[in-house]
């Protein structure tokens, strides 16, 4: 699992690198989820692409592969400049982000 691979490393502050990464991710997640939704609702294709791209890579690095897959779909739509059909993904995307948040909070509590 991705989290297990990061567990042994120390962060720049001497604490757990994994703990640092989780904390940063958890701080940024709500804004990125909201940013993607707002960009989508405005029809801002570039905004959807940008947020999805940023969230995709960080999600993968922490093992949130289902969320990464949602981000990939939004990123692909942004790359095509075509958001048609992606509105139905917004609610499941947000639900998955909530699951990831809960799992990372649990993992953080075990560090």
Protein backbone atom coordinates (compact mmCIF):
# COMPACT_ATOMS: atom_id res chain seq x y z
CA UNK A 1 0.00 0.00 0.00
CA UNK A 2 1.21 3.51 -0.79
CA UNK A 3 0.95 4.68 2.82
CA UNK A 4 3.10 1.80 4.06
CA UNK A 5 5.87 2.73 1.65
CA UNK A 6 6.00 6.27 3.04
CA UNK A 7 5.78 5.34 6.73
CA UNK A 8 9.52 4.92 7.46
CA UNK A 9 10.60 8.31 6.11
CA UNK A 10 11.11 11.42 8.20
CA UNK A 11 9.87 14.84 7.16
CA UNK A 12 11.91 18.04 7.13
CA UNK A 13 10.73 18.81 10.66
CA UNK A 14 11.91 15.44 12.00
CA UNK A 15 8.35 14.14 12.19
CA UNK A 16 6.77 11.57 9.96
CA UNK A 17 6.91 12.39 6.24
CA UNK A 18 3.65 10.49 5.85
CA UNK A 19 2.06 12.54 8.60
CA UNK A 20 3.20 15.75 6.93
CA UNK A 21 1.88 14.66 3.54
CA UNK A 22 -1.47 13.60 4.99
CA UNK A 23 -1.82 16.90 6.85
CA UNK A 24 -1.12 18.97 3.75
CA UNK A 25 -3.47 16.84 1.65
CA UNK A 26 -6.27 17.13 4.23
CA UNK A 27 -5.82 20.90 4.37
CA UNK A 28 -6.01 21.23 0.59
CA UNK A 29 -8.68 18.62 -0.18
CA UNK A 30 -11.82 20.65 0.65
CA UNK A 31 -10.69 23.61 -1.43
CA UNK A 32 -9.79 21.45 -4.38
CA UNK A 33 -13.07 19.53 -4.29
CA UNK A 34 -15.01 22.78 -4.09
CA UNK A 35 -12.78 24.35 -6.75
CA UNK A 36 -13.47 21.53 -9.18
CA UNK A 37 -17.22 21.74 -8.56
CA UNK A 38 -17.28 25.52 -9.02
CA UNK A 39 -15.13 25.38 -12.15
CA UNK A 40 -17.42 22.71 -13.56
CA UNK A 41 -20.57 24.69 -12.77
CA UNK A 42 -19.06 27.76 -14.50
CA UNK A 43 -18.10 25.67 -17.51
CA UNK A 44 -14.46 26.55 -16.87
CA UNK A 45 -12.77 23.71 -18.73
CA UNK A 46 -9.26 24.92 -17.92
CA UNK A 47 -10.15 25.23 -14.24
CA UNK A 48 -11.57 21.69 -14.14
CA UNK A 49 -8.43 20.38 -15.82
CA UNK A 50 -6.10 22.24 -13.46
CA UNK A 51 -7.78 21.17 -10.23
CA UNK A 52 -8.28 17.58 -11.39
CA UNK A 53 -4.64 17.33 -12.44
CA UNK A 54 -3.34 18.60 -9.10
CA UNK A 55 -5.63 16.39 -7.05
CA UNK A 56 -5.00 13.31 -9.21
CA UNK A 57 -1.29 13.06 -8.53
CA UNK A 58 -1.48 13.78 -4.81
CA UNK A 59 -4.33 11.30 -4.40
CA UNK A 60 -2.31 8.60 -6.12
CA UNK A 61 0.72 9.25 -3.94
CA UNK A 62 -1.41 8.56 -0.85
CA UNK A 63 -3.12 5.49 -2.29
CA UNK A 64 -6.49 7.11 -2.99
CA UNK A 65 -6.80 5.34 -6.33
CA UNK A 66 -10.59 5.64 -6.69
CA UNK A 67 -10.37 9.39 -6.23
CA UNK A 68 -7.46 9.45 -8.65
CA UNK A 69 -9.67 7.70 -11.23
CA UNK A 70 -12.39 10.33 -10.85
CA UNK A 71 -9.78 13.05 -11.27
CA UNK A 72 -8.47 11.33 -14.39
CA UNK A 73 -11.94 11.42 -15.93
CA UNK A 74 -12.31 15.13 -15.17
CA UNK A 75 -8.79 15.81 -16.43
CA UNK A 76 -9.49 13.93 -19.66
CA UNK A 77 -12.70 15.93 -20.17
CA UNK A 78 -10.78 19.15 -19.58
CA UNK A 79 -8.10 18.10 -22.03
CA UNK A 80 -10.82 17.46 -24.65
CA UNK A 81 -12.47 20.81 -23.80
CA UNK A 82 -15.71 18.90 -23.33
CA UNK A 83 -17.40 18.65 -19.94
CA UNK A 84 -20.51 16.97 -21.35
CA UNK A 85 -21.36 13.89 -19.33
CA UNK A 86 -19.17 14.80 -16.38
CA UNK A 87 -21.86 16.56 -14.31
CA UNK A 88 -23.07 13.14 -13.14
CA UNK A 89 -19.59 12.50 -11.70
CA UNK A 90 -19.63 15.46 -9.31
CA UNK A 91 -21.64 13.88 -6.48
CA UNK A 92 -19.82 10.51 -6.56
CA UNK A 93 -16.50 12.39 -6.77
CA UNK A 94 -17.37 14.36 -3.64
CA UNK A 95 -18.54 11.21 -1.85
CA UNK A 96 -15.24 9.50 -2.68
CA UNK A 97 -13.31 12.55 -1.47
CA UNK A 98 -15.18 12.31 1.84
CA UNK A 99 -14.24 8.61 2.14
CA UNK A 100 -10.60 9.43 1.44
CA UNK A 101 -10.67 12.20 4.03
CA UNK A 102 -12.08 9.84 6.66
CA UNK A 103 -9.53 7.12 5.85
CA UNK A 104 -6.63 9.56 6.01
CA UNK A 105 -7.83 11.02 9.28
CA UNK A 106 -7.90 7.49 10.67
CA UNK A 107 -4.41 6.77 9.31
CA UNK A 108 -3.16 10.06 10.72
CA UNK A 109 -4.47 9.11 14.14
CA UNK A 110 -2.40 5.93 14.04
CA UNK A 111 0.89 7.66 13.29
